[in-house]
Amino acid sequence: MTVEEIKQKILETHPSWDSTGDSIDDDKYAEVQEGYIRELISDYCEAQGYEAEGFPTKQKELGKTNEDYDEDYFTWERYERYIDLLCLEKEDVLELRFFYYNTFWPDQVTSKEELVAEIILNFKNNLYDEF
């Protein structure tokens, strides 16, 4: 999938996400849609051969022989870290992340530079699960 195809999927997903209500079920549905976008971006990154501190390739390889790296290891938090690390290195990943944030939360992140600053601050505050 290309960057433009992923952007189109983000645009297609947004109206459904945006129309969710305030109930717990609505929150869960919104989380599923957000997870779908995160998966699109992380799948793109993996297809490009991008790694961040060896993740996810090294851990998937280790998972073949080490039970500590089973499917429960690959949490959304670790994929958030993976994507955000790549945002600091790869312009295409930053473009996708910014497009997603700007589509879903347009008043929270107004520029790529602001997004990068937020990611750096999140790392300084240790808000991510380690690999």
C-alpha atoms as a PDB file:
ATOM      1  CA  MET A   1       0.000   0.000   0.000  1.00  0.00           C
ATOM      2  CA  THR A   2       1.286   3.457  -0.838  1.00  0.00           C
ATOM      3  CA  VAL A   3       1.285   6.591   1.304  1.00  0.00           C
ATOM      4  CA  GLU A   4      -1.559   8.004  -0.805  1.00  0.00           C
ATOM      5  CA  GLU A   5      -3.609   4.808  -0.467  1.00  0.00           C
ATOM      6  CA  ILE A   6      -3.195   4.903   3.307  1.00  0.00           C
ATOM      7  CA  LYS A   7      -4.230   8.556   3.363  1.00  0.00           C
ATOM      8  CA  GLN A   8      -7.354   7.580   1.438  1.00  0.00           C
ATOM      9  CA  LYS A   9      -8.129   4.848   4.008  1.00  0.00           C
ATOM     10  CA  ILE A  10      -7.682   7.410   6.789  1.00  0.00           C
ATOM     11  CA  LEU A  11     -10.145   9.729   5.044  1.00  0.00           C
ATOM     12  CA  GLU A  12     -12.608   6.860   4.571  1.00  0.00           C
ATOM     13  CA  THR A  13     -12.391   5.852   8.243  1.00  0.00           C
ATOM     14  CA  HIS A  14     -12.713   9.327   9.721  1.00  0.00           C
ATOM     15  CA  PRO A  15     -16.474   9.959   9.177  1.00  0.00           C
ATOM     16  CA  SER A  16     -17.419   6.765  10.988  1.00  0.00           C
ATOM     17  CA  TRP A  17     -14.981   7.513  13.820  1.00  0.00           C
ATOM     18  CA  ASP A  18     -16.161  11.119  14.037  1.00  0.00           C
ATOM     19  CA  SER A  19     -19.808  10.088  14.382  1.00  0.00           C
ATOM     20  CA  THR A  20     -19.268   7.890  17.432  1.00  0.00           C
ATOM     21  CA  GLY A  21     -21.065   8.884  20.594  1.00  0.00           C
ATOM     22  CA  ASP A  22     -19.954   9.077  24.198  1.00  0.00           C
ATOM     23  CA  SER A  23     -20.872   5.614  25.464  1.00  0.00           C
ATOM     24  CA  ILE A  24     -18.338   2.977  26.470  1.00  0.00           C
ATOM     25  CA  ASP A  25     -19.280   0.933  23.404  1.00  0.00           C
ATOM     26  CA  ASP A  26     -18.694   3.980  21.213  1.00  0.00           C
ATOM     27  CA  ASP A  27     -15.279   4.496  22.808  1.00  0.00           C
ATOM     28  CA  LYS A  28     -14.401   0.869  22.108  1.00  0.00           C
ATOM     29  CA  TYR A  29     -15.514   1.243  18.499  1.00  0.00           C
ATOM     30  CA  ALA A  30     -13.433   4.400  18.121  1.00  0.00           C
ATOM     31  CA  GLU A  31     -10.413   2.553  19.559  1.00  0.00           C
ATOM     32  CA  VAL A  32     -10.885  -0.225  17.001  1.00  0.00           C
ATOM     33  CA  GLN A  33     -10.888   2.334  14.202  1.00  0.00           C
ATOM     34  CA  GLU A  34      -7.803   4.048  15.621  1.00  0.00           C
ATOM     35  CA  GLY A  35      -6.147   0.634  15.850  1.00  0.00           C
ATOM     36  CA  TYR A  36      -6.976   0.025  12.206  1.00  0.00           C
ATOM     37  CA  ILE A  37      -5.164   3.223  11.215  1.00  0.00           C
ATOM     38  CA  ARG A  38      -2.185   2.363  13.439  1.00  0.00           C
ATOM     39  CA  GLU A  39      -2.054  -1.074  11.796  1.00  0.00           C
ATOM     40  CA  LEU A  40      -2.149   0.443   8.302  1.00  0.00           C
ATOM     41  CA  ILE A  41       0.790   2.685   9.162  1.00  0.00           C
ATOM     42  CA  SER A  42       2.796  -0.026  10.922  1.00  0.00           C
ATOM     43  CA  ASP A  43       2.150  -2.507   8.089  1.00  0.00           C
ATOM     44  CA  TYR A  44       3.393   0.123   5.650  1.00  0.00           C
ATOM     45  CA  CYS A  45       6.529   0.618   7.755  1.00  0.00           C
ATOM     46  CA  GLU A  46       7.206  -3.109   7.910  1.00  0.00           C
ATOM     47  CA  ALA A  47       6.647  -3.448   4.148  1.00  0.00           C
ATOM     48  CA  GLN A  48       9.269  -0.727   3.650  1.00  0.00           C
ATOM     49  CA  GLY A  49      11.675  -2.733   5.828  1.00  0.00           C
ATOM     50  CA  TYR A  50      11.766  -0.039   8.504  1.00  0.00           C
ATOM     51  CA  GLU A  51      12.969  -1.025  11.945  1.00  0.00           C
ATOM     52  CA  ALA A  52      13.297   0.940  15.159  1.00  0.00           C
ATOM     53  CA  GLU A  53      15.803  -0.490  17.612  1.00  0.00           C
ATOM     54  CA  GLY A  54      15.302  -3.823  15.825  1.00  0.00           C
ATOM     55  CA  PHE A  55      11.534  -3.750  16.319  1.00  0.00           C
ATOM     56  CA  PRO A  56       9.519  -5.571  15.080  1.00  0.00           C
ATOM     57  CA  THR A  57      11.757  -7.825  12.989  1.00  0.00           C
ATOM     58  CA  LYS A  58      14.124  -8.913  15.764  1.00  0.00           C
ATOM     59  CA  GLN A  59      11.300  -9.655  18.188  1.00  0.00           C
ATOM     60  CA  LYS A  60       9.299 -11.597  15.604  1.00  0.00           C
ATOM     61  CA  GLU A  61      12.365 -13.695  14.881  1.00  0.00           C
ATOM     62  CA  LEU A  62      12.906 -14.250  18.609  1.00  0.00           C
ATOM     63  CA  GLY A  63       9.238 -15.233  18.906  1.00  0.00           C
ATOM     64  CA  LYS A  64       9.959 -18.360  16.907  1.00  0.00           C
ATOM     65  CA  THR A  65      12.016 -19.771  19.783  1.00  0.00           C
ATOM     66  CA  ASN A  66      11.212 -17.612  22.835  1.00  0.00           C
ATOM     67  CA  GLU A  67       7.767 -17.589  24.459  1.00  0.00           C
ATOM     68  CA  ASP A  68       8.386 -14.080  25.837  1.00  0.00           C
ATOM     69  CA  TYR A  69       7.872 -12.736  22.317  1.00  0.00           C
ATOM     70  CA  ASP A  70       4.454 -14.235  21.641  1.00  0.00           C
ATOM     71  CA  GLU A  71       1.514 -12.256  20.243  1.00  0.00           C
ATOM     72  CA  ASP A  72       0.905 -10.635  23.651  1.00  0.00           C
ATOM     73  CA  TYR A  73       4.299  -8.944  23.390  1.00  0.00           C
ATOM     74  CA  PHE A  74       3.245  -6.950  20.332  1.00  0.00           C
ATOM     75  CA  THR A  75       1.005  -4.423  22.078  1.00  0.00           C
ATOM     76  CA  TRP A  76      -0.413  -1.271  20.545  1.00  0.00           C
ATOM     77  CA  GLU A  77       1.851   0.685  22.885  1.00  0.00           C
ATOM     78  CA  ARG A  78       4.930  -0.916  21.363  1.00  0.00           C
ATOM     79  CA  TYR A  79       3.639  -0.178  17.879  1.00  0.00           C
ATOM     80  CA  GLU A  80       3.049   3.441  18.921  1.00  0.00           C
ATOM     81  CA  ARG A  81       6.696   3.608  19.990  1.00  0.00           C
ATOM     82  CA  TYR A  82       7.771   1.986  16.720  1.00  0.00           C
ATOM     83  CA  ILE A  83       5.815   4.451  14.591  1.00  0.00           C
ATOM     84  CA  ASP A  84       6.895   7.459  16.637  1.00  0.00           C
ATOM     85  CA  LEU A  85      10.573   6.490  16.492  1.00  0.00           C
ATOM     86  CA  LEU A  86      10.241   6.184  12.738  1.00  0.00           C
ATOM     87  CA  CYS A  87       8.554   9.607  12.587  1.00  0.00           C
ATOM     88  CA  LEU A  88      11.833  11.031  13.838  1.00  0.00           C
ATOM     89  CA  GLU A  89      13.764   9.337  11.004  1.00  0.00           C
ATOM     90  CA  LYS A  90      11.474   8.805   8.023  1.00  0.00           C
ATOM     91  CA  GLU A  91       9.639  11.641   6.288  1.00  0.00           C
ATOM     92  CA  ASP A  92       7.013   9.308   4.797  1.00  0.00           C
ATOM     93  CA  VAL A  93       6.084   7.935   8.216  1.00  0.00           C
ATOM     94  CA  LEU A  94       5.929  11.440   9.663  1.00  0.00           C
ATOM     95  CA  GLU A  95       3.686  12.438   6.752  1.00  0.00           C
ATOM     96  CA  LEU A  96       1.299   9.555   7.475  1.00  0.00           C
ATOM     97  CA  ARG A  97       1.237  10.191  11.231  1.00  0.00           C
ATOM     98  CA  PHE A  98       0.673  13.908  10.754  1.00  0.00           C
ATOM     99  CA  PHE A  99      -2.065  13.314   8.182  1.00  0.00           C
ATOM    100  CA  TYR A 100      -3.808  10.913  10.582  1.00  0.00           C
ATOM    101  CA  TYR A 101      -3.570  13.274  13.560  1.00  0.00           C
ATOM    102  CA  ASN A 102      -4.541  16.300  11.498  1.00  0.00           C
ATOM    103  CA  THR A 103      -7.570  14.450  10.109  1.00  0.00           C
ATOM    104  CA  PHE A 104      -8.788  13.026  13.419  1.00  0.00           C
ATOM    105  CA  TRP A 105      -7.683  15.808  15.812  1.00  0.00           C
ATOM    106  CA  PRO A 106      -7.074  18.912  13.645  1.00  0.00           C
ATOM    107  CA  ASP A 107      -6.866  21.345  16.547  1.00  0.00           C
ATOM    108  CA  GLN A 108      -4.282  19.359  18.520  1.00  0.00           C
ATOM    109  CA  VAL A 109      -1.339  19.165  16.106  1.00  0.00           C
ATOM    110  CA  THR A 110      -1.026  21.978  13.599  1.00  0.00           C
ATOM    111  CA  SER A 111       2.315  21.178  11.947  1.00  0.00           C
ATOM    112  CA  LYS A 112       4.795  18.381  11.447  1.00  0.00           C
ATOM    113  CA  GLU A 113       7.286  20.325  13.564  1.00  0.00           C
ATOM    114  CA  GLU A 114       4.783  20.439  16.424  1.00  0.00           C
ATOM    115  CA  LEU A 115       4.179  16.703  16.085  1.00  0.00           C
ATOM    116  CA  VAL A 116       7.921  15.983  16.177  1.00  0.00           C
ATOM    117  CA  ALA A 117       8.275  18.178  19.283  1.00  0.00           C
ATOM    118  CA  GLU A 118       5.406  16.287  20.936  1.00  0.00           C
ATOM    119  CA  ILE A 119       6.982  12.919  20.094  1.00  0.00           C
ATOM    120  CA  ILE A 120      10.351  14.026  21.496  1.00  0.00           C
ATOM    121  CA  LEU A 121       8.634  15.219  24.671  1.00  0.00           C
ATOM    122  CA  ASN A 122       6.836  11.876  24.991  1.00  0.00           C
ATOM    123  CA  PHE A 123      10.184  10.090  24.793  1.00  0.00           C
ATOM    124  CA  LYS A 124      11.730  12.435  27.357  1.00  0.00           C
ATOM    125  CA  ASN A 125       8.801  11.707  29.678  1.00  0.00           C
ATOM    126  CA  ASN A 126       9.183   7.960  29.066  1.00  0.00           C
ATOM    127  CA  LEU A 127       5.596   7.444  27.909  1.00  0.00           C
ATOM    128  CA  TYR A 128       6.311   4.395  25.774  1.00  0.00           C
ATOM    129  CA  ASP A 129       6.694   0.695  26.496  1.00  0.00           C
ATOM    130  CA  GLU A 130      10.232  -0.538  25.871  1.00  0.00           C
ATOM    131  CA  PHE A 131      10.889  -3.068  23.106  1.00  0.00           C
END
